[in-house]
Amino acid sequence: MAEEIEEQLRQRLEDGLPEELERAEEQLRDQFEDQLPELIDRELESTRDEREEQLAERKLEEMIERLEDE
């Protein structure tokens, strides 16, 4: 009797699990697709900020070198 109940529960779990996983995967995919443009924008902004900082550092170094040469 306990074995029958265990088998029934196992079968229900196996039958329902793929559906649940598929739904969860779809929800995650939708959420990721919704957030993707924002993530890309943030990454581009971060990269732009890093480039601007590097350029400013380079200009400052050049100015210091010119002042030292004078």
Foldseek 3Di string as FASTA:
>chain_A
DVVVVVVVVVVVCVVCVVVVVVVVVVVVVVVCVVCVVVVVVVVVVVVVVVVVVVVVVVVVVVVVVVVVVD
